[in-house]
């Protein structure tokens, strides 16, 4: 739950039994307390440093001298060495020499790498194998420039100093930060700082508690980076816990990334599940796939890698998009697949009749020439960035009354915008490869056993004809159960989360 320290600083507190807390990586003093015989409930607070004093503490931990720390802290806040020298009260030559000494002491060759390392240590947001910048992008779905501006502002820089550090005009910085504030629901730099502190506190607490608890906040994804065995790529994973739950993999759609909608998370947790999600190759923070190969098959390889890393012999699957990935995984590793629920599964674009609206226009263009996918995507993203998020959603699902009604819930819309923001930030390699594959690749093989599969289709799906979807997937999944929902569209995981979970448990009619 959220909490506040005595000085009013936001933090996160986890309340657990002493037996659970004894498994955590607490320091010896804390361990002595939780082992007291009369201990009943243990509260663990996490609060990330988020001020210049936090940066100074990080410099001290890295072994920098007082002068080096003063210069590095000023540079982190102002983004310009001359401004940092003036702030530190030294000459430019002295500041440059101190910075060089700090880089040598920390074995960094670029200023940006040093500042990133100091910032990550101060804010507590650096996962193994990641960087502070890409984690901030991952938490909020921001562009790299928006993330740099946000970090600078949260560290105490003025807007003009943040703009100089990002290499943009103050007018551009103002526009970018206005978008950031609207996205996060804050109104000032102080609100941004508090938001970042809460997000990074959750990230730190998540690593400490080792998935013993789950989080009911949208401030952060519980990021973990797992190396792919076959090619050394990094796979971004969210493990929502709790460790004792039954693991279920939640696959994302082709125009989103791994954050699971909050209503679905709540429904899964309430029924004893442990949701896991991954960014498929080229989506979110997962590295792109090689130039050749089937993206759906490679995604299946990544699922096996993650299951091995987390110790799962078998896993359930909910595919809110990515149905082809679920099928490839089941064909490749049938012994590892338990129950599967496909939600609004896409048929191949090559056989799907285009619908009306924006999505239908994209489909028609792809069917005519799949090789224009990358160019079309860049043009599409460039135009979509100029459209208000709510207007963009309305255009995408204009023909689906149930979807429009679902998005009237502020929580659902926030989840939609957050997932789609990754797409608008320009991370398109995965989307391009998968959309091209839906035109050019042959159908996957039929899984050996589909008796524990359930397919949910909305009668008002704005992207595909429901009868077309059902006809295609009945051939691939001959023993699966099919349910066409008369009051649903595309966003079934948000409008009918309890039905999705019931289907996962084999209870849906």
Protein backbone atom coordinates (compact mmCIF):
# COMPACT_ATOMS: atom_id res chain seq x y z
CA UNK A 1 0.00 0.00 0.00
CA UNK A 2 1.14 3.62 -0.46
CA UNK A 3 2.43 5.36 2.68
CA UNK A 4 4.24 8.53 3.72
CA UNK A 5 7.33 8.96 5.86
CA UNK A 6 7.55 11.46 8.70
CA UNK A 7 8.84 14.13 6.31
CA UNK A 8 5.90 13.59 3.97
CA UNK A 9 7.91 11.73 1.34
CA UNK A 10 5.91 9.07 -0.53
CA UNK A 11 6.90 5.44 -0.09
CA UNK A 12 5.53 1.91 -0.34
CA UNK A 13 4.92 -0.42 2.59
CA UNK A 14 4.43 -4.19 2.51
CA UNK A 15 2.72 -5.85 5.49
CA UNK A 16 3.47 -9.57 5.84
CA UNK A 17 3.92 -12.31 8.40
CA UNK A 18 7.35 -12.73 10.03
CA UNK A 19 7.71 -16.13 8.32
CA UNK A 20 7.55 -14.47 4.91
CA UNK A 21 9.83 -11.56 5.84
CA UNK A 22 12.54 -13.96 7.06
CA UNK A 23 13.07 -15.10 3.47
CA UNK A 24 13.86 -11.59 2.27
CA UNK A 25 17.25 -9.95 1.89
CA UNK A 26 16.92 -7.69 4.92
CA UNK A 27 19.96 -6.39 6.79
CA UNK A 28 21.02 -8.18 10.01
CA UNK A 29 19.36 -5.60 12.28
CA UNK A 30 16.02 -6.00 10.54
CA UNK A 31 16.37 -9.79 10.50
CA UNK A 32 16.89 -9.75 14.27
CA UNK A 33 13.61 -7.88 14.69
CA UNK A 34 11.52 -10.16 12.47
CA UNK A 35 12.89 -13.18 14.36
CA UNK A 36 11.62 -11.95 17.73
CA UNK A 37 9.29 -14.58 19.26
CA UNK A 38 6.42 -12.12 19.70
CA UNK A 39 6.66 -10.67 16.17
CA UNK A 40 3.20 -10.75 14.59
CA UNK A 41 3.15 -8.45 11.55
CA UNK A 42 6.19 -7.06 9.77
CA UNK A 43 6.03 -3.80 7.83
CA UNK A 44 8.79 -3.06 5.32
CA UNK A 45 8.97 0.47 3.90
CA UNK A 46 10.71 1.46 0.70
CA UNK A 47 11.40 5.09 -0.24
CA UNK A 48 13.63 6.01 -3.17
CA UNK A 49 16.01 8.97 -2.92
CA UNK A 50 14.86 11.63 -5.35
CA UNK A 51 16.64 14.88 -4.47
CA UNK A 52 20.16 16.27 -4.93
CA UNK A 53 20.98 14.80 -1.50
CA UNK A 54 20.14 11.38 -2.93
CA UNK A 55 22.51 12.03 -5.83
CA UNK A 56 25.24 13.04 -3.37
CA UNK A 57 24.66 9.81 -1.45
CA UNK A 58 25.00 7.84 -4.69
CA UNK A 59 28.27 9.60 -5.52
CA UNK A 60 29.57 8.72 -2.07
CA UNK A 61 28.63 5.06 -2.59
CA UNK A 62 30.59 5.11 -5.86
CA UNK A 63 33.69 6.38 -4.03
CA UNK A 64 33.84 9.86 -5.57
CA UNK A 65 35.65 12.69 -3.83
CA UNK A 66 33.71 15.64 -2.44
CA UNK A 67 34.59 17.82 -5.46
CA UNK A 68 33.78 15.06 -7.94
CA UNK A 69 30.45 14.43 -6.23
CA UNK A 70 29.59 18.14 -6.28
CA UNK A 71 30.32 18.41 -10.01
CA UNK A 72 28.56 15.17 -10.95
CA UNK A 73 25.48 16.08 -8.91
CA UNK A 74 25.30 19.50 -10.54
CA UNK A 75 25.78 17.94 -13.98
CA UNK A 76 22.97 15.47 -13.35
CA UNK A 77 20.65 18.35 -12.45
CA UNK A 78 21.66 20.78 -15.22
CA UNK A 79 22.87 18.60 -18.11
CA UNK A 80 25.59 21.08 -19.08
CA UNK A 81 29.12 21.09 -17.69
CA UNK A 82 29.52 24.90 -17.76
CA UNK A 83 26.27 25.33 -15.86
CA UNK A 84 27.33 22.53 -13.50
CA UNK A 85 30.66 24.30 -12.85
CA UNK A 86 28.87 27.52 -11.99
CA UNK A 87 26.46 25.65 -9.70
CA UNK A 88 29.37 23.88 -7.98
CA UNK A 89 31.25 27.18 -7.59
CA UNK A 90 34.35 26.08 -9.53
CA UNK A 91 35.91 26.99 -12.87
CA UNK A 92 35.05 25.10 -16.03
CA UNK A 93 38.58 23.64 -16.16
CA UNK A 94 38.31 22.39 -12.57
CA UNK A 95 34.88 20.88 -13.25
CA UNK A 96 36.18 19.14 -16.36
CA UNK A 97 39.13 17.70 -14.45
CA UNK A 98 36.86 16.53 -11.60
CA UNK A 99 34.48 14.90 -14.07
CA UNK A 100 37.37 13.10 -15.74
CA UNK A 101 38.50 11.79 -12.37
CA UNK A 102 34.98 10.59 -11.56
CA UNK A 103 34.76 8.75 -14.89
CA UNK A 104 38.11 7.10 -14.30
CA UNK A 105 37.15 6.08 -10.76
CA UNK A 106 33.88 4.54 -11.94
CA UNK A 107 35.39 3.03 -15.13
CA UNK A 108 32.95 4.87 -17.42
CA UNK A 109 33.96 6.33 -20.79
CA UNK A 110 30.97 8.59 -21.43
CA UNK A 111 29.41 11.32 -19.33
CA UNK A 112 25.95 9.95 -20.06
CA UNK A 113 26.91 6.52 -18.70
CA UNK A 114 28.26 8.04 -15.48
CA UNK A 115 25.17 10.20 -14.96
CA UNK A 116 22.92 7.24 -15.67
CA UNK A 117 24.77 5.11 -13.13
CA UNK A 118 24.57 7.79 -10.44
CA UNK A 119 20.89 8.45 -11.16
CA UNK A 120 20.01 4.77 -11.08
CA UNK A 121 21.75 4.29 -7.76
CA UNK A 122 20.05 7.35 -6.28
CA UNK A 123 16.59 6.44 -7.55
CA UNK A 124 16.91 2.69 -7.03
CA UNK A 125 15.55 1.78 -10.48
CA UNK A 126 18.35 -0.17 -12.11
CA UNK A 127 17.48 -3.83 -12.81
CA UNK A 128 20.22 -6.27 -13.61
CA UNK A 129 21.14 -5.79 -17.25
CA UNK A 130 19.08 -2.61 -17.71
CA UNK A 131 19.57 1.15 -17.59
CA UNK A 132 17.73 3.89 -15.81
CA UNK A 133 16.66 5.52 -19.06
CA UNK A 134 15.06 2.44 -20.58
CA UNK A 135 13.36 1.56 -17.31
CA UNK A 136 11.74 4.98 -17.13
CA UNK A 137 10.55 4.48 -20.71
CA UNK A 138 9.22 1.08 -19.68
CA UNK A 139 7.39 2.34 -16.59
CA UNK A 140 5.59 5.13 -18.40
CA UNK A 141 5.80 4.28 -22.10
CA UNK A 142 7.68 7.52 -22.79
CA UNK A 143 10.02 8.28 -25.65
CA UNK A 144 13.75 8.41 -24.77
CA UNK A 145 13.67 12.22 -24.94
CA UNK A 146 10.64 12.43 -22.67
CA UNK A 147 12.34 10.07 -20.20
CA UNK A 148 15.52 12.21 -20.14
CA UNK A 149 13.52 15.38 -19.58
CA UNK A 150 11.47 13.73 -16.84
CA UNK A 151 14.53 12.43 -15.00
CA UNK A 152 16.25 15.81 -15.19
CA UNK A 153 13.18 17.65 -13.88
CA UNK A 154 12.69 15.13 -11.06
CA UNK A 155 16.33 15.59 -10.05
CA UNK A 156 15.82 19.31 -9.53
CA UNK A 157 16.76 20.81 -12.90
CA UNK A 158 14.81 23.76 -14.23
CA UNK A 159 12.90 23.33 -17.48
CA UNK A 160 15.45 25.29 -19.48
CA UNK A 161 18.32 23.28 -17.97
CA UNK A 162 16.47 20.02 -18.70
CA UNK A 163 15.95 21.20 -22.27
CA UNK A 164 19.65 21.99 -22.71
CA UNK A 165 20.61 18.60 -21.33
CA UNK A 166 18.26 16.88 -23.80
CA UNK A 167 19.52 19.02 -26.69
CA UNK A 168 16.14 20.61 -27.49
CA UNK A 169 14.61 24.06 -27.31
CA UNK A 170 12.69 25.15 -24.24
CA UNK A 171 9.51 25.23 -26.36
CA UNK A 172 9.96 21.60 -27.40
CA UNK A 173 10.74 20.59 -23.82
CA UNK A 174 7.59 22.34 -22.60
CA UNK A 175 5.48 20.47 -25.15
CA UNK A 176 7.07 17.12 -24.26
CA UNK A 177 6.70 17.67 -20.52
CA UNK A 178 3.07 18.73 -20.94
CA UNK A 179 2.46 15.34 -22.55
CA UNK A 180 4.33 13.60 -19.71
CA UNK A 181 2.29 15.42 -17.06
CA UNK A 182 -0.98 14.51 -18.80
CA UNK A 183 0.09 10.90 -19.18
CA UNK A 184 1.01 10.54 -15.51
CA UNK A 185 -1.81 12.66 -14.12
CA UNK A 186 0.51 15.18 -12.40
CA UNK A 187 0.59 18.97 -12.65
CA UNK A 188 4.11 19.96 -11.60
CA UNK A 189 7.72 18.92 -11.28
CA UNK A 190 7.06 18.11 -7.62
CA UNK A 191 4.25 15.76 -8.65
CA UNK A 192 6.54 14.15 -11.19
CA UNK A 193 9.17 13.62 -8.49
CA UNK A 194 6.61 11.99 -6.17
CA UNK A 195 5.37 9.75 -8.99
CA UNK A 196 8.91 8.64 -9.85
CA UNK A 197 9.68 8.00 -6.18
CA UNK A 198 6.63 5.76 -5.82
CA UNK A 199 7.40 3.87 -9.03
CA UNK A 200 11.00 3.24 -8.07
CA UNK A 201 10.06 2.27 -4.52
CA UNK A 202 7.83 -0.45 -5.97
CA UNK A 203 10.65 -1.61 -8.25
CA UNK A 204 13.06 -1.84 -5.30
CA UNK A 205 10.52 -3.57 -3.08
CA UNK A 206 9.68 -6.01 -5.87
CA UNK A 207 13.31 -7.14 -6.05
CA UNK A 208 13.54 -7.44 -2.25
CA UNK A 209 10.42 -9.54 -1.72
CA UNK A 210 11.24 -12.02 -4.49
CA UNK A 211 7.66 -12.25 -5.80
CA UNK A 212 6.15 -13.18 -2.42
CA UNK A 213 3.55 -10.46 -2.87
CA UNK A 214 1.80 -8.87 -5.83
CA UNK A 215 1.30 -5.19 -6.56
CA UNK A 216 -2.00 -3.44 -7.24
CA UNK A 217 -0.49 -0.22 -8.61
CA UNK A 218 0.07 1.07 -12.13
CA UNK A 219 3.20 2.98 -11.17
CA UNK A 220 5.65 0.31 -12.26
CA UNK A 221 6.02 -2.99 -13.96
CA UNK A 222 7.95 -5.58 -11.89
CA UNK A 223 10.68 -5.70 -14.53
CA UNK A 224 13.12 -8.56 -14.86
CA UNK A 225 15.48 -9.06 -17.82
CA UNK A 226 16.19 -12.67 -18.82
CA UNK A 227 18.89 -13.52 -21.41
CA UNK A 228 17.68 -15.58 -24.37
CA UNK A 229 19.76 -18.75 -24.63
CA UNK A 230 19.84 -18.97 -28.40
CA UNK A 231 21.11 -15.49 -29.34
CA UNK A 232 21.90 -13.48 -26.20
CA UNK A 233 18.97 -11.08 -26.58
CA UNK A 234 17.39 -9.73 -23.40
CA UNK A 235 13.74 -10.65 -22.70
CA UNK A 236 11.71 -8.23 -20.59
CA UNK A 237 9.50 -10.06 -18.06
CA UNK A 238 6.88 -8.89 -15.57
CA UNK A 239 6.16 -11.30 -12.71
CA UNK A 240 3.17 -9.96 -10.79
CA UNK A 241 3.30 -12.67 -8.09
CA UNK A 242 2.50 -14.03 -5.65
CA UNK A 243 5.03 -16.83 -5.71
CA UNK A 244 2.48 -19.30 -4.36
CA UNK A 245 0.04 -18.66 -7.23
CA UNK A 246 -0.57 -20.84 -10.29
CA UNK A 247 1.52 -19.36 -13.14
CA UNK A 248 -0.33 -17.98 -16.15
CA UNK A 249 1.33 -16.29 -19.12
CA UNK A 250 -0.58 -13.25 -20.43
CA UNK A 251 0.34 -12.44 -24.03
CA UNK A 252 -0.03 -8.86 -25.30
CA UNK A 253 -1.59 -7.64 -28.54
CA UNK A 254 0.50 -6.62 -31.54
CA UNK A 255 0.10 -2.87 -30.89
CA UNK A 256 0.91 -2.92 -27.18
CA UNK A 257 3.48 -4.37 -24.77
CA UNK A 258 3.57 -6.51 -21.66
CA UNK A 259 1.67 -4.47 -18.98
CA UNK A 260 -1.43 -6.51 -18.10
CA UNK A 261 -4.73 -4.56 -17.75
CA UNK A 262 -5.45 -3.95 -14.09
CA UNK A 263 -8.96 -5.45 -14.11
CA UNK A 264 -7.59 -8.70 -15.51
CA UNK A 265 -4.76 -8.70 -12.96
CA UNK A 266 -7.25 -8.28 -10.12
CA UNK A 267 -9.43 -11.11 -11.42
CA UNK A 268 -6.46 -13.45 -11.82
CA UNK A 269 -5.07 -12.67 -8.37
CA UNK A 270 -8.49 -13.17 -6.78
CA UNK A 271 -8.58 -16.71 -8.21
CA UNK A 272 -5.09 -17.69 -7.03
CA UNK A 273 -3.11 -17.11 -10.23
CA UNK A 274 0.39 -15.71 -10.63
CA UNK A 275 0.33 -13.60 -13.84
CA UNK A 276 3.52 -13.49 -15.91
CA UNK A 277 3.94 -11.39 -19.04
CA UNK A 278 6.78 -10.86 -21.48
CA UNK A 279 7.55 -8.40 -24.24
CA UNK A 280 7.80 -10.43 -27.43
CA UNK A 281 10.86 -9.88 -29.70
CA UNK A 282 11.07 -6.24 -30.76
CA UNK A 283 8.32 -5.05 -28.39
CA UNK A 284 8.83 -2.93 -25.27
CA UNK A 285 12.22 -3.69 -23.69
CA UNK A 286 12.84 -7.07 -25.37
CA UNK A 287 15.58 -6.94 -27.97
CA UNK A 288 14.53 -7.38 -31.63
CA UNK A 289 14.82 -10.76 -33.30
CA UNK A 290 17.38 -11.59 -36.03
CA UNK A 291 16.61 -10.54 -39.59
CA UNK A 292 15.38 -13.98 -40.60
CA UNK A 293 12.85 -16.31 -39.00
CA UNK A 294 9.25 -16.60 -37.89
CA UNK A 295 8.58 -14.07 -35.09
CA UNK A 296 5.86 -16.27 -33.56
CA UNK A 297 8.17 -19.29 -33.36
CA UNK A 298 10.93 -17.19 -31.78
CA UNK A 299 8.44 -15.84 -29.24
CA UNK A 300 7.71 -19.47 -28.32
CA UNK A 301 11.43 -19.98 -27.72
CA UNK A 302 11.42 -16.95 -25.41
CA UNK A 303 8.49 -18.37 -23.43
CA UNK A 304 10.41 -21.59 -22.80
CA UNK A 305 13.46 -19.59 -21.71
CA UNK A 306 11.39 -17.57 -19.23
CA UNK A 307 9.63 -20.67 -17.88
CA UNK A 308 13.02 -22.29 -17.27
CA UNK A 309 14.33 -19.14 -15.57
CA UNK A 310 11.30 -19.00 -13.25
CA UNK A 311 11.17 -22.75 -12.64
CA UNK A 312 7.82 -23.52 -14.34
CA UNK A 313 7.35 -26.99 -15.81
CA UNK A 314 3.89 -26.04 -17.13
CA UNK A 315 2.06 -22.77 -17.59
CA UNK A 316 -1.45 -21.60 -18.46
CA UNK A 317 -1.83 -19.03 -21.24
CA UNK A 318 -4.18 -16.10 -21.80
CA UNK A 319 -3.60 -14.56 -25.22
CA UNK A 320 -5.16 -11.10 -25.58
CA UNK A 321 -3.73 -11.02 -29.07
CA UNK A 322 -0.68 -13.10 -29.93
CA UNK A 323 -2.79 -16.21 -30.57
CA UNK A 324 -0.27 -17.43 -33.16
CA UNK A 325 2.41 -17.33 -30.45
CA UNK A 326 0.31 -19.53 -28.16
CA UNK A 327 -0.21 -22.05 -30.98
CA UNK A 328 3.48 -22.16 -31.89
CA UNK A 329 4.42 -22.64 -28.24
CA UNK A 330 1.91 -25.49 -27.90
CA UNK A 331 3.21 -27.18 -31.05
CA UNK A 332 6.85 -26.78 -30.00
CA UNK A 333 6.39 -27.72 -26.34
CA UNK A 334 3.03 -29.49 -25.78
CA UNK A 335 4.22 -30.89 -22.44
CA UNK A 336 4.59 -27.35 -21.04
CA UNK A 337 1.14 -26.04 -21.92
CA UNK A 338 -1.77 -26.40 -19.49
CA UNK A 339 -5.01 -24.46 -20.14
CA UNK A 340 -5.18 -21.83 -22.90
CA UNK A 341 -7.67 -18.99 -23.45
CA UNK A 342 -7.49 -17.10 -26.75
CA UNK A 343 -9.23 -13.71 -26.54
CA UNK A 344 -10.30 -12.12 -29.86
CA UNK A 345 -7.65 -14.09 -31.82
CA UNK A 346 -6.52 -12.55 -35.12
CA UNK A 347 -6.85 -14.62 -38.30
CA UNK A 348 -4.06 -14.16 -40.86
CA UNK A 349 -4.29 -10.82 -42.64
CA UNK A 350 -3.98 -12.52 -46.03
CA UNK A 351 -7.45 -14.11 -45.65
CA UNK A 352 -9.19 -11.53 -43.45
CA UNK A 353 -11.71 -9.19 -45.04
CA UNK A 354 -10.93 -5.55 -44.16
CA UNK A 355 -13.42 -3.81 -41.89
CA UNK A 356 -14.17 -0.10 -41.92
CA UNK A 357 -12.25 2.62 -40.12
CA UNK A 358 -8.56 3.18 -39.43
CA UNK A 359 -7.75 -0.47 -38.67
CA UNK A 360 -9.50 -1.66 -41.81
CA UNK A 361 -7.51 0.77 -43.96
CA UNK A 362 -4.24 -0.59 -42.56
CA UNK A 363 -5.35 -4.15 -43.25
CA UNK A 364 -6.21 -3.34 -46.88
CA UNK A 365 -2.79 -1.77 -47.44
CA UNK A 366 -1.00 -4.80 -45.99
CA UNK A 367 -2.93 -7.27 -48.10
CA UNK A 368 -1.96 -5.36 -51.23
CA UNK A 369 1.75 -5.08 -50.42
CA UNK A 370 3.11 -6.51 -47.13
CA UNK A 371 6.58 -5.13 -47.92
CA UNK A 372 5.38 -1.58 -47.18
CA UNK A 373 4.72 -2.58 -43.56
CA UNK A 374 7.65 -0.71 -42.03
CA UNK A 375 7.13 2.47 -44.04
CA UNK A 376 3.38 2.34 -43.39
CA UNK A 377 4.00 1.87 -39.66
CA UNK A 378 6.30 4.89 -39.45
CA UNK A 379 3.78 7.06 -41.31
CA UNK A 380 0.97 5.71 -39.15
CA UNK A 381 2.78 6.39 -35.87
CA UNK A 382 3.78 9.86 -37.01
CA UNK A 383 0.16 10.74 -37.74
CA UNK A 384 -1.25 9.05 -34.62
CA UNK A 385 1.05 11.02 -32.33
CA UNK A 386 -0.83 14.17 -33.32
CA UNK A 387 -4.17 12.74 -32.23
CA UNK A 388 -5.48 12.96 -28.67
CA UNK A 389 -5.36 9.52 -27.00
CA UNK A 390 -9.09 9.41 -26.36
CA UNK A 391 -9.89 10.45 -29.92
CA UNK A 392 -7.44 7.85 -31.20
CA UNK A 393 -9.20 5.13 -29.24
CA UNK A 394 -12.61 6.26 -30.51
CA UNK A 395 -11.42 6.15 -34.11
CA UNK A 396 -9.99 2.65 -33.65
CA UNK A 397 -13.19 1.14 -32.20
CA UNK A 398 -15.80 3.52 -33.61
CA UNK A 399 -18.03 0.68 -34.84
CA UNK A 400 -18.02 -1.18 -31.50
CA UNK A 401 -20.44 0.18 -28.88
CA UNK A 402 -19.30 -2.35 -26.21
CA UNK A 403 -15.67 -1.26 -26.63
CA UNK A 404 -16.60 2.42 -26.39
CA UNK A 405 -18.55 1.69 -23.22
CA UNK A 406 -15.64 -0.29 -21.76
CA UNK A 407 -13.32 2.67 -22.33
CA UNK A 408 -15.61 4.97 -20.35
CA UNK A 409 -14.02 3.41 -17.26
CA UNK A 410 -11.00 5.63 -16.50
CA UNK A 411 -8.96 2.65 -15.29
CA UNK A 412 -9.51 0.75 -18.55
CA UNK A 413 -8.66 3.76 -20.66
CA UNK A 414 -5.46 4.39 -18.66
CA UNK A 415 -4.41 0.77 -19.28
CA UNK A 416 -5.22 1.07 -22.98
CA UNK A 417 -3.26 4.30 -23.33
CA UNK A 418 -0.30 2.94 -21.43
CA UNK A 419 -0.04 -0.17 -23.58
CA UNK A 420 -0.53 1.73 -26.83
CA UNK A 421 1.98 4.39 -25.80
CA UNK A 422 4.80 1.87 -26.33
CA UNK A 423 3.66 1.61 -29.94
CA UNK A 424 3.55 5.39 -30.38
CA UNK A 425 7.02 5.78 -28.84
CA UNK A 426 8.48 4.18 -31.95
CA UNK A 427 9.24 0.62 -30.82
CA UNK A 428 7.93 -0.89 -34.02
CA UNK A 429 10.30 -3.72 -34.95
CA UNK A 430 8.19 -6.41 -33.30
CA UNK A 431 4.94 -5.02 -34.70
CA UNK A 432 6.38 -4.83 -38.23
CA UNK A 433 7.68 -8.41 -38.15
CA UNK A 434 4.47 -9.88 -36.75
CA UNK A 435 2.16 -7.99 -39.11
CA UNK A 436 4.25 -9.02 -42.11
CA UNK A 437 4.21 -12.63 -40.89
CA UNK A 438 0.39 -12.57 -40.72
CA UNK A 439 0.45 -11.93 -44.47
CA UNK A 440 3.38 -14.05 -45.65
CA UNK A 441 3.86 -16.96 -43.22
CA UNK A 442 1.91 -20.23 -43.59
CA UNK A 443 -0.54 -21.39 -40.93
CA UNK A 444 1.03 -23.00 -37.87
CA UNK A 445 0.64 -26.73 -37.33
CA UNK A 446 -2.39 -27.98 -35.40
CA UNK A 447 -1.50 -28.56 -31.70
CA UNK A 448 -1.63 -32.20 -30.56
CA UNK A 449 -4.31 -31.56 -27.91
CA UNK A 450 -6.68 -28.58 -27.75
CA UNK A 451 -9.33 -29.98 -25.43
CA UNK A 452 -8.30 -27.52 -22.68
CA UNK A 453 -8.43 -24.53 -25.02
CA UNK A 454 -11.21 -21.92 -24.95
CA UNK A 455 -11.70 -19.18 -27.58
CA UNK A 456 -13.62 -15.99 -26.72
CA UNK A 457 -14.86 -13.80 -29.60
CA UNK A 458 -16.78 -10.52 -29.36
CA UNK A 459 -19.74 -10.17 -31.67
CA UNK A 460 -18.87 -6.46 -32.16
CA UNK A 461 -15.13 -6.86 -32.87
CA UNK A 462 -14.11 -3.77 -34.90
CA UNK A 463 -11.08 -5.39 -36.52
CA UNK A 464 -12.30 -8.80 -37.77
CA UNK A 465 -15.58 -10.40 -38.76
CA UNK A 466 -16.56 -12.71 -35.83
CA UNK A 467 -17.74 -15.52 -38.13
CA UNK A 468 -14.47 -15.32 -40.05
CA UNK A 469 -12.46 -15.54 -36.84
CA UNK A 470 -14.43 -18.52 -35.57
CA UNK A 471 -14.24 -20.38 -38.89
CA UNK A 472 -10.45 -20.04 -39.13
CA UNK A 473 -9.67 -21.00 -35.55
CA UNK A 474 -12.05 -23.97 -35.47
CA UNK A 475 -9.90 -25.60 -38.16
CA UNK A 476 -6.67 -25.06 -36.18
CA UNK A 477 -8.21 -25.94 -32.80
CA UNK A 478 -10.70 -28.75 -33.53
CA UNK A 479 -11.36 -29.72 -29.88
CA UNK A 480 -11.44 -26.22 -28.38
CA UNK A 481 -14.55 -24.60 -26.90
CA UNK A 482 -15.80 -21.44 -28.61
CA UNK A 483 -17.90 -18.69 -27.08
CA UNK A 484 -19.20 -15.70 -29.06
CA UNK A 485 -20.11 -12.90 -26.66
CA UNK A 486 -23.07 -10.81 -27.89
CA UNK A 487 -22.18 -7.88 -25.60
CA UNK A 488 -18.44 -7.66 -26.29
CA UNK A 489 -16.04 -6.21 -28.83
CA UNK A 490 -12.24 -6.20 -28.92
CA UNK A 491 -11.46 -5.42 -25.28
CA UNK A 492 -12.86 -8.62 -23.75
CA UNK A 493 -10.13 -8.86 -21.07
CA UNK A 494 -11.34 -5.50 -19.73
CA UNK A 495 -15.09 -5.86 -20.25
CA UNK A 496 -15.34 -9.53 -19.16
CA UNK A 497 -12.28 -10.30 -16.96
CA UNK A 498 -14.19 -12.74 -14.74
CA UNK A 499 -15.31 -14.70 -17.81
CA UNK A 500 -11.71 -14.89 -19.05
CA UNK A 501 -10.62 -16.31 -15.70
CA UNK A 502 -13.58 -18.72 -15.61
CA UNK A 503 -12.59 -19.99 -19.06
CA UNK A 504 -9.04 -20.44 -17.76
CA UNK A 505 -10.40 -22.58 -14.95
CA UNK A 506 -12.63 -24.57 -17.30
CA UNK A 507 -15.81 -23.14 -15.73
CA UNK A 508 -17.13 -20.93 -18.56
CA UNK A 509 -20.17 -22.10 -20.51
